[in-house]
């Protein structure tokens, strides 16, 4: 099957940018919150900004930071962050057939995957629009980087981030993705099952395990649906 034309790819990329802007706005406040909390935990300005720009994953960053804040070591922080990001293994497996090229080229393209771009790029039949995915990620990365700069440099002026409600942004972000999937009748049961699994595991499992288990459930559902 022939791939999209240059014009189709450009249009998909532009649609992705437009779709990614609202998530980028949310990401700005998330990243700013991380910058503030990282500075309070003892990170330098440069360390907070570089961490946000390289990791580019709020769940992993906040999980690792929570471990460091309570006195945990670097290995424990890295383990917590890795558990939170382990969901990308399932997401990558689902995405890989939609990416052209060999393993290295697909791996490079896969660096653009974030939760919202992966969800929005899904065509609903087990395939993904890679140019839509790339476009969706662009504004999110830009605002994520800017947010980390603002939070790390000017965070002291914000005061207590819990008082501002910034700690609620991340769960609301994931809830918005779940609601988006609930609107699609073909993926509704997968989203519901994944959400219930995560909800059941939150009180009894370490950070990262609930979302990893939910990702596994959705991957199984995606594979069954694409057959």
N, C-alpha and C. Protein backbone atom coordinates (compact mmCIF):
# COMPACT_ATOMS: atom_id res chain seq x y z
N UNK A 1 0.85 -1.20 0.00
CA UNK A 1 0.00 0.00 0.00
C UNK A 1 0.88 1.24 0.00
N UNK A 2 0.59 2.19 -0.88
CA UNK A 2 1.40 3.39 -0.99
C UNK A 2 1.21 4.27 0.23
N UNK A 3 2.28 4.98 0.59
CA UNK A 3 2.20 5.87 1.71
C UNK A 3 1.53 7.17 1.33
N UNK A 4 1.31 8.08 2.29
CA UNK A 4 0.65 9.35 2.00
C UNK A 4 1.53 10.23 1.13
N UNK A 5 0.91 11.08 0.32
CA UNK A 5 1.67 12.03 -0.48
C UNK A 5 2.25 13.11 0.43
N UNK A 6 3.16 13.90 -0.14
CA UNK A 6 3.76 14.98 0.65
C UNK A 6 2.71 15.95 1.16
N UNK A 7 1.70 16.23 0.32
CA UNK A 7 0.65 17.16 0.72
C UNK A 7 -0.20 16.56 1.85
N UNK A 8 -0.52 15.27 1.73
CA UNK A 8 -1.29 14.61 2.78
C UNK A 8 -0.52 14.60 4.09
N UNK A 9 0.79 14.33 3.99
CA UNK A 9 1.62 14.32 5.19
C UNK A 9 1.68 15.70 5.83
N UNK A 10 1.80 16.73 4.99
CA UNK A 10 1.86 18.09 5.52
C UNK A 10 0.54 18.46 6.21
N UNK A 11 -0.58 18.11 5.59
CA UNK A 11 -1.88 18.41 6.18
C UNK A 11 -2.07 17.68 7.49
N UNK A 12 -1.64 16.42 7.55
CA UNK A 12 -1.75 15.65 8.78
C UNK A 12 -0.88 16.27 9.87
N UNK A 13 0.31 16.71 9.49
CA UNK A 13 1.23 17.33 10.44
C UNK A 13 0.62 18.62 11.01
N UNK A 14 0.01 19.42 10.14
CA UNK A 14 -0.61 20.67 10.58
C UNK A 14 -1.82 20.41 11.47
N UNK A 15 -2.61 19.39 11.11
CA UNK A 15 -3.73 19.01 11.98
C UNK A 15 -3.22 18.57 13.34
N UNK A 16 -2.11 17.86 13.32
CA UNK A 16 -1.53 17.42 14.59
C UNK A 16 -1.10 18.58 15.46
N UNK A 17 -0.46 19.58 14.85
CA UNK A 17 -0.05 20.76 15.62
C UNK A 17 -1.25 21.42 16.27
N UNK A 18 -2.32 21.59 15.48
CA UNK A 18 -3.54 22.21 16.02
C UNK A 18 -4.12 21.38 17.16
N UNK A 19 -4.15 20.06 16.98
CA UNK A 19 -4.71 19.19 18.02
C UNK A 19 -3.84 19.17 19.26
N UNK A 20 -2.53 19.39 19.09
CA UNK A 20 -1.62 19.30 20.22
C UNK A 20 -1.56 20.54 21.08
N UNK A 21 -2.06 21.67 20.57
CA UNK A 21 -1.97 22.93 21.32
C UNK A 21 -2.65 22.87 22.68
N UNK A 22 -3.91 22.38 22.79
CA UNK A 22 -4.53 22.32 24.12
C UNK A 22 -3.73 21.47 25.11
N UNK A 23 -3.20 20.35 24.64
CA UNK A 23 -2.38 19.52 25.51
C UNK A 23 -1.07 20.22 25.85
N UNK A 24 -0.59 21.02 24.90
CA UNK A 24 0.63 21.79 25.17
C UNK A 24 0.42 22.81 26.26
N UNK A 25 -0.75 23.42 26.31
CA UNK A 25 -1.06 24.39 27.36
C UNK A 25 -1.04 23.70 28.72
N UNK A 26 -1.68 22.53 28.79
CA UNK A 26 -1.67 21.76 30.03
C UNK A 26 -0.24 21.38 30.39
N UNK A 27 0.52 20.94 29.38
CA UNK A 27 1.90 20.52 29.61
C UNK A 27 2.76 21.64 30.14
N UNK A 28 2.48 22.87 29.71
CA UNK A 28 3.25 24.02 30.21
C UNK A 28 3.14 24.11 31.73
N UNK A 29 1.92 24.02 32.24
CA UNK A 29 1.72 24.13 33.69
C UNK A 29 2.28 22.91 34.42
N UNK A 30 2.17 21.74 33.80
CA UNK A 30 2.77 20.55 34.41
C UNK A 30 4.28 20.70 34.54
N UNK A 31 4.91 21.13 33.46
CA UNK A 31 6.36 21.26 33.46
C UNK A 31 6.81 22.38 34.38
N UNK A 32 6.03 23.47 34.42
CA UNK A 32 6.36 24.55 35.36
C UNK A 32 6.29 24.05 36.79
N UNK A 33 5.26 23.23 37.08
CA UNK A 33 5.13 22.65 38.40
C UNK A 33 6.33 21.76 38.72
N UNK A 34 6.75 20.97 37.72
CA UNK A 34 7.94 20.13 37.94
C UNK A 34 9.16 20.99 38.24
N UNK A 35 9.32 22.08 37.48
CA UNK A 35 10.48 22.95 37.70
C UNK A 35 10.50 23.51 39.11
N UNK A 36 9.34 23.92 39.59
CA UNK A 36 9.23 24.45 40.96
C UNK A 36 9.60 23.38 41.98
N UNK A 37 9.00 22.22 41.86
CA UNK A 37 9.23 21.14 42.83
C UNK A 37 10.66 20.62 42.76
N UNK A 38 11.23 20.57 41.56
CA UNK A 38 12.61 20.12 41.42
C UNK A 38 13.57 21.06 42.13
N UNK A 39 13.32 22.35 42.00
CA UNK A 39 14.18 23.32 42.68
C UNK A 39 14.04 23.18 44.19
N UNK A 40 12.81 22.95 44.66
CA UNK A 40 12.60 22.77 46.09
C UNK A 40 13.26 21.49 46.60
N UNK A 41 13.42 20.51 45.70
CA UNK A 41 14.05 19.24 46.08
C UNK A 41 15.57 19.30 46.02
N UNK A 42 16.12 20.42 45.57
CA UNK A 42 17.56 20.57 45.55
C UNK A 42 18.21 20.57 44.18
N UNK A 43 17.41 20.47 43.12
CA UNK A 43 17.96 20.55 41.77
C UNK A 43 18.44 21.98 41.50
N UNK A 44 19.49 22.09 40.70
CA UNK A 44 19.87 23.41 40.21
C UNK A 44 18.92 23.79 39.09
N UNK A 45 18.95 25.04 38.68
CA UNK A 45 18.11 25.49 37.58
C UNK A 45 18.40 24.68 36.33
N UNK A 46 19.69 24.51 36.03
CA UNK A 46 20.08 23.76 34.83
C UNK A 46 19.64 22.30 34.91
N UNK A 47 19.78 21.68 36.08
CA UNK A 47 19.39 20.27 36.24
C UNK A 47 17.89 20.09 36.03
N UNK A 48 17.09 21.00 36.58
CA UNK A 48 15.64 20.90 36.42
C UNK A 48 15.24 21.04 34.96
N UNK A 49 15.83 22.01 34.26
CA UNK A 49 15.47 22.26 32.86
C UNK A 49 15.92 21.12 31.97
N UNK A 50 17.16 20.68 32.14
CA UNK A 50 17.70 19.61 31.29
C UNK A 50 16.93 18.31 31.51
N UNK A 51 16.60 18.01 32.76
CA UNK A 51 15.83 16.80 33.05
C UNK A 51 14.49 16.82 32.31
N UNK A 52 13.79 17.96 32.38
CA UNK A 52 12.49 18.06 31.72
C UNK A 52 12.63 17.93 30.21
N UNK A 53 13.66 18.52 29.63
CA UNK A 53 13.82 18.52 28.18
C UNK A 53 14.26 17.16 27.64
N UNK A 54 15.02 16.41 28.44
CA UNK A 54 15.49 15.10 27.98
C UNK A 54 14.46 14.02 28.25
N UNK A 55 13.90 14.00 29.45
CA UNK A 55 12.95 12.94 29.81
C UNK A 55 11.61 13.17 29.12
N UNK A 56 11.10 14.40 29.16
CA UNK A 56 9.86 14.78 28.48
C UNK A 56 8.74 13.79 28.79
N UNK A 57 8.56 13.49 30.06
CA UNK A 57 7.52 12.55 30.49
C UNK A 57 7.13 12.91 31.92
N UNK A 58 5.99 13.56 32.05
CA UNK A 58 5.61 14.06 33.36
C UNK A 58 5.50 13.00 34.42
N UNK A 59 4.89 11.86 34.09
CA UNK A 59 4.71 10.82 35.10
C UNK A 59 6.05 10.32 35.61
N UNK A 60 6.99 10.09 34.72
CA UNK A 60 8.31 9.60 35.12
C UNK A 60 9.05 10.65 35.94
N UNK A 61 8.97 11.90 35.50
CA UNK A 61 9.67 12.97 36.21
C UNK A 61 9.13 13.15 37.63
N UNK A 62 7.81 13.17 37.77
CA UNK A 62 7.22 13.38 39.09
C UNK A 62 7.41 12.16 39.98
N UNK A 63 7.38 10.96 39.39
CA UNK A 63 7.62 9.75 40.19
C UNK A 63 9.03 9.74 40.75
N UNK A 64 10.00 10.03 39.89
CA UNK A 64 11.40 10.07 40.34
C UNK A 64 11.60 11.18 41.37
N UNK A 65 10.98 12.33 41.11
CA UNK A 65 11.14 13.45 42.03
C UNK A 65 10.52 13.15 43.39
N UNK A 66 9.40 12.43 43.41
CA UNK A 66 8.77 12.10 44.69
C UNK A 66 9.67 11.21 45.53
N UNK A 67 10.40 10.31 44.88
CA UNK A 67 11.33 9.44 45.60
C UNK A 67 12.48 10.25 46.17
N UNK A 68 13.03 11.16 45.36
CA UNK A 68 14.15 11.98 45.81
C UNK A 68 13.72 12.89 46.95
N UNK A 69 12.52 13.42 46.87
CA UNK A 69 12.02 14.36 47.88
C UNK A 69 11.94 13.72 49.27
N UNK A 70 11.57 12.43 49.31
CA UNK A 70 11.45 11.76 50.62
C UNK A 70 12.75 11.10 51.04
N UNK A 71 13.85 11.40 50.33
CA UNK A 71 15.15 10.91 50.74
C UNK A 71 15.62 9.64 50.05
N UNK A 72 14.89 9.19 49.04
CA UNK A 72 15.30 7.99 48.32
C UNK A 72 16.53 8.23 47.45
N UNK A 73 17.23 7.16 47.12
CA UNK A 73 18.43 7.27 46.31
C UNK A 73 18.12 7.33 44.82
N UNK A 74 19.18 7.57 44.04
CA UNK A 74 19.04 7.65 42.59
C UNK A 74 18.52 6.34 41.99
N UNK A 75 19.03 5.16 42.41
CA UNK A 75 18.49 3.91 41.83
C UNK A 75 16.99 3.77 42.03
N UNK A 76 16.50 4.12 43.24
CA UNK A 76 15.07 4.02 43.51
C UNK A 76 14.29 5.01 42.66
N UNK A 77 14.84 6.21 42.49
CA UNK A 77 14.17 7.23 41.67
C UNK A 77 14.10 6.78 40.22
N UNK A 78 15.20 6.22 39.71
CA UNK A 78 15.22 5.76 38.33
C UNK A 78 14.25 4.59 38.13
N UNK A 79 14.16 3.73 39.12
CA UNK A 79 13.22 2.60 39.04
C UNK A 79 11.79 3.09 38.98
N UNK A 80 11.45 4.06 39.83
CA UNK A 80 10.10 4.61 39.83
C UNK A 80 9.77 5.26 38.49
N UNK A 81 10.72 6.04 37.98
CA UNK A 81 10.50 6.69 36.69
C UNK A 81 10.38 5.69 35.55
N UNK A 82 11.18 4.65 35.61
CA UNK A 82 11.12 3.62 34.56
C UNK A 82 9.80 2.87 34.58
N UNK A 83 9.29 2.58 35.77
CA UNK A 83 7.99 1.92 35.88
C UNK A 83 6.89 2.78 35.26
N UNK A 84 6.94 4.09 35.53
CA UNK A 84 5.93 4.97 34.98
C UNK A 84 6.01 5.02 33.46
N UNK A 85 7.22 4.94 32.92
CA UNK A 85 7.39 5.02 31.46
C UNK A 85 7.29 3.67 30.77
N UNK A 86 7.15 2.60 31.54
CA UNK A 86 7.09 1.27 30.93
C UNK A 86 5.88 1.11 30.03
N UNK A 87 4.86 1.94 30.21
CA UNK A 87 3.68 1.86 29.34
C UNK A 87 4.04 2.13 27.88
N UNK A 88 5.14 2.86 27.66
CA UNK A 88 5.53 3.16 26.28
C UNK A 88 6.01 1.92 25.54
N UNK A 89 6.37 0.87 26.25
CA UNK A 89 6.71 -0.39 25.58
C UNK A 89 5.49 -0.93 24.85
N UNK A 90 4.35 -0.97 25.56
CA UNK A 90 3.11 -1.44 24.93
C UNK A 90 2.69 -0.51 23.81
N UNK A 91 2.80 0.79 24.04
CA UNK A 91 2.42 1.75 23.03
C UNK A 91 3.31 1.65 21.80
N UNK A 92 4.61 1.42 22.03
CA UNK A 92 5.55 1.29 20.92
C UNK A 92 5.29 0.05 20.09
N UNK A 93 4.95 -1.05 20.76
CA UNK A 93 4.64 -2.29 20.04
C UNK A 93 3.44 -2.08 19.12
N UNK A 94 2.44 -1.36 19.62
CA UNK A 94 1.26 -1.10 18.81
C UNK A 94 1.56 -0.16 17.65
N UNK A 95 2.45 0.80 17.88
CA UNK A 95 2.75 1.82 16.88
C UNK A 95 3.70 1.34 15.80
N UNK A 96 4.63 0.45 16.15
CA UNK A 96 5.74 0.07 15.25
C UNK A 96 5.31 -0.29 13.83
N UNK A 97 4.25 -1.09 13.62
CA UNK A 97 3.89 -1.44 12.24
C UNK A 97 3.48 -0.25 11.37
N UNK A 98 3.14 0.87 11.99
CA UNK A 98 2.73 2.06 11.25
C UNK A 98 3.89 2.98 10.91
N UNK A 99 5.11 2.61 11.34
CA UNK A 99 6.28 3.43 11.08
C UNK A 99 7.14 2.77 10.01
N UNK A 100 7.58 3.54 9.01
CA UNK A 100 8.42 2.96 7.95
C UNK A 100 9.88 2.86 8.37
N UNK A 101 10.62 2.05 7.62
CA UNK A 101 12.05 1.95 7.85
C UNK A 101 12.44 0.80 8.75
N UNK A 102 13.76 0.70 8.98
CA UNK A 102 14.30 -0.36 9.82
C UNK A 102 14.16 -0.04 11.29
N UNK A 103 14.70 -0.91 12.15
CA UNK A 103 14.55 -0.72 13.60
C UNK A 103 15.06 0.62 14.11
N UNK A 104 16.21 1.08 13.62
CA UNK A 104 16.76 2.34 14.11
C UNK A 104 15.90 3.52 13.70
N UNK A 105 15.46 3.52 12.44
CA UNK A 105 14.61 4.62 11.96
C UNK A 105 13.30 4.66 12.72
N UNK A 106 12.71 3.49 12.98
CA UNK A 106 11.46 3.46 13.75
C UNK A 106 11.69 3.92 15.18
N UNK A 107 12.85 3.56 15.73
CA UNK A 107 13.15 3.97 17.10
C UNK A 107 13.27 5.48 17.21
N UNK A 108 13.89 6.10 16.21
CA UNK A 108 14.02 7.56 16.21
C UNK A 108 12.65 8.21 16.11
N UNK A 109 11.81 7.70 15.20
CA UNK A 109 10.46 8.25 15.06
C UNK A 109 9.65 8.05 16.33
N UNK A 110 9.90 6.96 17.02
CA UNK A 110 9.17 6.65 18.24
C UNK A 110 9.44 7.62 19.38
N UNK A 111 10.53 8.40 19.27
CA UNK A 111 10.83 9.37 20.32
C UNK A 111 9.77 10.47 20.40
N UNK A 112 8.96 10.58 19.34
CA UNK A 112 7.91 11.61 19.34
C UNK A 112 6.67 11.18 20.10
N UNK A 113 6.63 9.95 20.57
CA UNK A 113 5.42 9.45 21.22
C UNK A 113 5.27 10.01 22.63
N UNK A 114 4.14 10.64 22.86
CA UNK A 114 3.67 10.95 24.22
C UNK A 114 2.23 10.46 24.28
N UNK A 115 1.67 10.44 25.46
CA UNK A 115 0.35 9.82 25.63
C UNK A 115 -0.70 10.41 24.70
N UNK A 116 -0.80 11.73 24.68
CA UNK A 116 -1.85 12.35 23.88
C UNK A 116 -1.61 12.18 22.39
N UNK A 117 -0.36 12.29 21.93
CA UNK A 117 -0.09 12.15 20.50
C UNK A 117 -0.38 10.73 20.04
N UNK A 118 -0.06 9.75 20.87
CA UNK A 118 -0.33 8.35 20.54
C UNK A 118 -1.84 8.12 20.42
N UNK A 119 -2.59 8.66 21.36
CA UNK A 119 -4.05 8.47 21.36
C UNK A 119 -4.69 9.18 20.18
N UNK A 120 -4.28 10.40 19.90
CA UNK A 120 -4.88 11.17 18.82
C UNK A 120 -4.51 10.63 17.45
N UNK A 121 -3.33 10.02 17.33
CA UNK A 121 -2.88 9.51 16.04
C UNK A 121 -3.51 8.17 15.69
N UNK A 122 -4.15 7.52 16.65
CA UNK A 122 -4.78 6.23 16.39
C UNK A 122 -5.94 6.39 15.42
N UNK A 123 -5.96 5.56 14.40
CA UNK A 123 -7.04 5.60 13.42
C UNK A 123 -8.24 4.76 13.86
N UNK A 124 -8.11 4.03 14.94
CA UNK A 124 -9.20 3.22 15.44
C UNK A 124 -9.25 1.81 14.87
N UNK A 125 -8.30 1.49 13.98
CA UNK A 125 -8.27 0.15 13.39
C UNK A 125 -6.96 -0.57 13.68
N UNK A 126 -6.23 -0.08 14.67
CA UNK A 126 -4.94 -0.68 15.00
C UNK A 126 -3.76 -0.03 14.30
N UNK A 127 -4.02 0.96 13.42
CA UNK A 127 -2.94 1.68 12.75
C UNK A 127 -2.89 3.12 13.23
N UNK A 128 -1.79 3.81 12.92
CA UNK A 128 -1.57 5.17 13.41
C UNK A 128 -1.11 6.07 12.28
N UNK A 129 -1.51 7.33 12.35
CA UNK A 129 -1.07 8.36 11.41
C UNK A 129 0.20 8.98 12.00
N UNK A 130 1.35 8.61 11.46
CA UNK A 130 2.60 9.05 12.07
C UNK A 130 2.81 10.56 11.95
N UNK A 131 2.35 11.17 10.84
CA UNK A 131 2.54 12.61 10.69
C UNK A 131 1.64 13.39 11.63
N UNK A 132 0.46 12.88 11.87
CA UNK A 132 -0.39 13.49 12.88
C UNK A 132 0.25 13.39 14.25
N UNK A 133 0.86 12.24 14.53
CA UNK A 133 1.56 12.03 15.80
C UNK A 133 2.70 13.03 15.95
N UNK A 134 3.52 13.18 14.90
CA UNK A 134 4.64 14.11 14.97
C UNK A 134 4.15 15.53 15.23
N UNK A 135 3.11 15.94 14.48
CA UNK A 135 2.60 17.29 14.63
C UNK A 135 2.03 17.54 16.01
N UNK A 136 1.35 16.56 16.57
CA UNK A 136 0.75 16.71 17.90
C UNK A 136 1.82 16.90 18.97
N UNK A 137 2.96 16.25 18.78
CA UNK A 137 4.01 16.31 19.79
C UNK A 137 4.76 17.63 19.77
N UNK A 138 4.89 18.28 18.62
CA UNK A 138 5.70 19.49 18.50
C UNK A 138 5.29 20.58 19.49
N UNK A 139 4.03 21.04 19.50
CA UNK A 139 3.70 22.10 20.46
C UNK A 139 3.83 21.65 21.91
N UNK A 140 3.63 20.36 22.14
CA UNK A 140 3.75 19.86 23.51
C UNK A 140 5.19 19.91 24.00
N UNK A 141 6.13 19.59 23.11
CA UNK A 141 7.53 19.64 23.53
C UNK A 141 7.98 21.08 23.76
N UNK A 142 7.54 21.98 22.87
CA UNK A 142 7.93 23.39 23.01
C UNK A 142 7.43 23.95 24.33
N UNK A 143 6.15 23.74 24.63
CA UNK A 143 5.60 24.28 25.88
C UNK A 143 6.15 23.56 27.10
N UNK A 144 6.48 22.27 26.94
CA UNK A 144 7.09 21.54 28.06
C UNK A 144 8.45 22.14 28.41
N UNK A 145 9.23 22.45 27.38
CA UNK A 145 10.54 23.05 27.62
C UNK A 145 10.39 24.44 28.24
N UNK A 146 9.47 25.24 27.71
CA UNK A 146 9.26 26.58 28.24
C UNK A 146 8.76 26.54 29.68
N UNK A 147 7.86 25.59 29.96
CA UNK A 147 7.34 25.47 31.32
C UNK A 147 8.43 25.15 32.33
N UNK A 148 9.34 24.27 31.93
CA UNK A 148 10.42 23.91 32.84
C UNK A 148 11.33 25.10 33.12
N UNK A 149 11.55 25.93 32.11
CA UNK A 149 12.37 27.13 32.29
C UNK A 149 11.69 28.10 33.25
N UNK A 150 10.40 28.34 33.02
CA UNK A 150 9.66 29.27 33.88
C UNK A 150 9.60 28.76 35.32
N UNK A 151 9.30 27.47 35.48
CA UNK A 151 9.20 26.91 36.82
C UNK A 151 10.51 26.92 37.57
N UNK A 152 11.58 26.56 36.86
CA UNK A 152 12.89 26.48 37.52
C UNK A 152 13.45 27.85 37.88
N UNK A 153 13.21 28.84 37.02
CA UNK A 153 13.78 30.16 37.25
C UNK A 153 12.90 31.03 38.14
N UNK A 154 11.59 30.99 37.90
CA UNK A 154 10.69 31.90 38.61
C UNK A 154 9.79 31.18 39.61
N UNK A 155 10.08 29.91 39.89
CA UNK A 155 9.21 29.11 40.75
C UNK A 155 9.02 29.66 42.14
N UNK A 156 10.04 30.30 42.67
CA UNK A 156 9.93 30.82 44.04
C UNK A 156 8.80 31.83 44.17
N UNK A 157 8.49 32.52 43.09
CA UNK A 157 7.43 33.53 43.14
C UNK A 157 6.04 32.91 43.19
N UNK A 158 5.94 31.61 42.80
CA UNK A 158 4.65 30.94 42.78
C UNK A 158 4.22 30.45 44.15
N UNK A 159 5.19 30.17 45.02
CA UNK A 159 4.87 29.66 46.34
C UNK A 159 4.49 28.19 46.31
N UNK A 160 3.52 27.84 47.13
CA UNK A 160 3.09 26.45 47.27
C UNK A 160 2.28 26.01 46.05
N UNK A 161 2.80 25.05 45.29
CA UNK A 161 2.10 24.59 44.08
C UNK A 161 0.81 23.85 44.41
N UNK A 162 0.72 23.22 45.57
CA UNK A 162 -0.52 22.55 45.97
C UNK A 162 -1.63 23.56 46.21
N UNK A 163 -1.26 24.72 46.73
CA UNK A 163 -2.25 25.78 46.95
C UNK A 163 -2.85 26.25 45.63
N UNK A 164 -2.06 26.23 44.57
CA UNK A 164 -2.52 26.66 43.25
C UNK A 164 -3.26 25.56 42.51
N UNK A 165 -3.23 24.35 43.04
CA UNK A 165 -3.93 23.25 42.39
C UNK A 165 -3.15 22.62 41.25
N UNK A 166 -1.86 22.93 41.11
CA UNK A 166 -1.08 22.36 40.01
C UNK A 166 -0.91 20.85 40.14
N UNK A 167 -1.02 20.33 41.37
CA UNK A 167 -0.86 18.90 41.56
C UNK A 167 -2.01 18.10 40.96
N UNK A 168 -3.13 18.78 40.65
CA UNK A 168 -4.29 18.08 40.08
C UNK A 168 -4.24 18.01 38.56
N UNK A 169 -3.32 18.73 37.93
CA UNK A 169 -3.31 18.80 36.47
C UNK A 169 -3.01 17.45 35.84
N UNK A 170 -2.05 16.72 36.41
CA UNK A 170 -1.62 15.49 35.75
C UNK A 170 -2.72 14.42 35.72
N UNK A 171 -3.40 14.12 36.84
CA UNK A 171 -4.50 13.15 36.76
C UNK A 171 -5.62 13.62 35.84
N UNK A 172 -5.90 14.92 35.80
CA UNK A 172 -6.94 15.44 34.90
C UNK A 172 -6.52 15.23 33.45
N UNK A 173 -5.23 15.38 33.18
CA UNK A 173 -4.69 15.17 31.83
C UNK A 173 -4.98 13.75 31.35
N UNK A 174 -4.66 12.75 32.18
CA UNK A 174 -4.91 11.36 31.80
C UNK A 174 -6.41 11.07 31.71
N UNK A 175 -7.20 11.70 32.57
CA UNK A 175 -8.64 11.50 32.51
C UNK A 175 -9.21 12.02 31.20
N UNK A 176 -8.65 13.12 30.69
CA UNK A 176 -9.12 13.65 29.41
C UNK A 176 -8.84 12.69 28.27
N UNK A 177 -7.70 12.00 28.34
CA UNK A 177 -7.38 11.01 27.31
C UNK A 177 -8.35 9.83 27.38
N UNK A 178 -8.68 9.41 28.60
CA UNK A 178 -9.63 8.31 28.77
C UNK A 178 -11.00 8.67 28.21
N UNK A 179 -11.44 9.90 28.49
CA UNK A 179 -12.74 10.35 28.01
C UNK A 179 -12.78 10.37 26.49
N UNK A 180 -11.65 10.78 25.87
CA UNK A 180 -11.56 10.80 24.41
C UNK A 180 -11.78 9.41 23.85
N UNK A 181 -11.17 8.40 24.46
CA UNK A 181 -11.32 7.03 23.98
C UNK A 181 -12.72 6.50 24.22
N UNK A 182 -13.39 6.97 25.27
CA UNK A 182 -14.74 6.51 25.56
C UNK A 182 -15.74 6.95 24.49
N UNK A 183 -15.40 7.98 23.76
CA UNK A 183 -16.28 8.46 22.71
C UNK A 183 -16.27 7.56 21.47
N UNK A 184 -15.23 6.74 21.36
CA UNK A 184 -15.11 5.83 20.22
C UNK A 184 -15.67 4.47 20.62
N UNK A 185 -16.77 4.07 19.98
CA UNK A 185 -17.43 2.82 20.37
C UNK A 185 -16.54 1.61 20.19
N UNK A 186 -15.61 1.67 19.22
CA UNK A 186 -14.75 0.52 18.96
C UNK A 186 -13.66 0.34 20.01
N UNK A 187 -13.33 1.39 20.74
CA UNK A 187 -12.28 1.28 21.75
C UNK A 187 -12.80 1.51 23.16
N UNK A 188 -14.11 1.72 23.30
CA UNK A 188 -14.68 2.08 24.60
C UNK A 188 -14.43 1.01 25.66
N UNK A 189 -14.66 -0.25 25.30
CA UNK A 189 -14.52 -1.31 26.31
C UNK A 189 -13.06 -1.47 26.72
N UNK A 190 -12.14 -1.23 25.78
CA UNK A 190 -10.71 -1.32 26.11
C UNK A 190 -10.34 -0.21 27.10
N UNK A 191 -10.82 1.01 26.84
CA UNK A 191 -10.52 2.13 27.73
C UNK A 191 -11.10 1.89 29.12
N UNK A 192 -12.33 1.38 29.17
CA UNK A 192 -12.97 1.12 30.46
C UNK A 192 -12.20 0.06 31.25
N UNK A 193 -11.84 -1.02 30.58
CA UNK A 193 -11.10 -2.10 31.26
C UNK A 193 -9.75 -1.60 31.77
N UNK A 194 -9.03 -0.84 30.93
CA UNK A 194 -7.75 -0.30 31.36
C UNK A 194 -7.89 0.63 32.54
N UNK A 195 -8.91 1.50 32.50
CA UNK A 195 -9.13 2.42 33.61
C UNK A 195 -9.48 1.72 34.90
N UNK A 196 -10.31 0.68 34.82
CA UNK A 196 -10.69 -0.07 36.02
C UNK A 196 -9.51 -0.81 36.63
N UNK A 197 -8.67 -1.38 35.76
CA UNK A 197 -7.47 -2.08 36.26
C UNK A 197 -6.56 -1.11 37.00
N UNK A 198 -6.32 0.06 36.40
CA UNK A 198 -5.46 1.05 37.04
C UNK A 198 -6.06 1.51 38.36
N UNK A 199 -7.36 1.76 38.37
CA UNK A 199 -8.03 2.22 39.59
C UNK A 199 -7.93 1.19 40.71
N UNK A 200 -8.06 -0.09 40.35
CA UNK A 200 -8.01 -1.14 41.37
C UNK A 200 -6.62 -1.32 41.95
N UNK A 201 -5.59 -1.06 41.15
CA UNK A 201 -4.22 -1.30 41.60
C UNK A 201 -3.60 -0.12 42.33
N UNK A 202 -4.14 1.08 42.16
CA UNK A 202 -3.55 2.27 42.78
C UNK A 202 -3.33 2.12 44.30
N UNK A 203 -4.32 1.61 45.06
CA UNK A 203 -4.12 1.55 46.51
C UNK A 203 -3.16 0.46 46.97
N UNK A 204 -2.85 -0.52 46.12
CA UNK A 204 -2.13 -1.70 46.60
C UNK A 204 -0.80 -1.96 45.88
N UNK A 205 -0.45 -1.15 44.91
CA UNK A 205 0.77 -1.43 44.15
C UNK A 205 1.70 -0.22 44.13
N UNK A 206 2.99 -0.44 43.82
CA UNK A 206 3.94 0.67 43.75
C UNK A 206 3.61 1.61 42.61
N UNK A 207 4.12 2.86 42.66
CA UNK A 207 3.88 3.82 41.58
C UNK A 207 4.36 3.25 40.23
N UNK A 208 3.56 3.41 39.23
CA UNK A 208 3.93 2.94 37.90
C UNK A 208 3.27 1.64 37.51
N UNK A 209 3.05 0.77 38.48
CA UNK A 209 2.45 -0.54 38.18
C UNK A 209 1.02 -0.41 37.66
N UNK A 210 0.16 0.45 38.26
CA UNK A 210 -1.21 0.56 37.73
C UNK A 210 -1.27 0.96 36.27
N UNK A 211 -0.49 1.95 35.88
CA UNK A 211 -0.56 2.40 34.49
C UNK A 211 0.10 1.40 33.55
N UNK A 212 1.10 0.67 34.05
CA UNK A 212 1.72 -0.38 33.24
C UNK A 212 0.72 -1.51 32.98
N UNK A 213 0.00 -1.92 34.03
CA UNK A 213 -1.00 -2.97 33.88
C UNK A 213 -2.13 -2.53 32.94
N UNK A 214 -2.55 -1.27 33.08
CA UNK A 214 -3.60 -0.75 32.20
C UNK A 214 -3.13 -0.72 30.76
N UNK A 215 -1.86 -0.38 30.54
CA UNK A 215 -1.31 -0.37 29.19
C UNK A 215 -1.32 -1.76 28.58
N UNK A 216 -1.00 -2.77 29.41
CA UNK A 216 -1.01 -4.15 28.92
C UNK A 216 -2.41 -4.57 28.51
N UNK A 217 -3.40 -4.16 29.30
CA UNK A 217 -4.79 -4.48 28.97
C UNK A 217 -5.20 -3.84 27.65
N UNK A 218 -4.85 -2.58 27.47
CA UNK A 218 -5.22 -1.89 26.23
C UNK A 218 -4.49 -2.46 25.03
N UNK A 219 -3.25 -2.91 25.23
CA UNK A 219 -2.50 -3.51 24.12
C UNK A 219 -3.17 -4.80 23.67
N UNK A 220 -3.57 -5.63 24.64
CA UNK A 220 -4.28 -6.88 24.30
C UNK A 220 -5.56 -6.57 23.54
N UNK A 221 -6.29 -5.56 24.01
CA UNK A 221 -7.52 -5.17 23.33
C UNK A 221 -7.27 -4.66 21.93
N UNK A 222 -6.18 -3.89 21.76
CA UNK A 222 -5.84 -3.35 20.44
C UNK A 222 -5.49 -4.47 19.47
N UNK A 223 -4.72 -5.45 19.95
CA UNK A 223 -4.33 -6.57 19.09
C UNK A 223 -5.56 -7.37 18.66
N UNK A 224 -6.46 -7.62 19.59
CA UNK A 224 -7.68 -8.38 19.28
C UNK A 224 -8.57 -7.63 18.31
N UNK A 225 -8.64 -6.31 18.46
CA UNK A 225 -9.50 -5.50 17.61
C UNK A 225 -8.96 -5.42 16.18
N UNK A 226 -7.61 -5.45 16.02
CA UNK A 226 -7.02 -5.29 14.72
C UNK A 226 -7.04 -6.58 13.90
N UNK A 227 -7.41 -7.70 14.53
CA UNK A 227 -7.45 -8.98 13.80
C UNK A 227 -8.64 -9.06 12.86
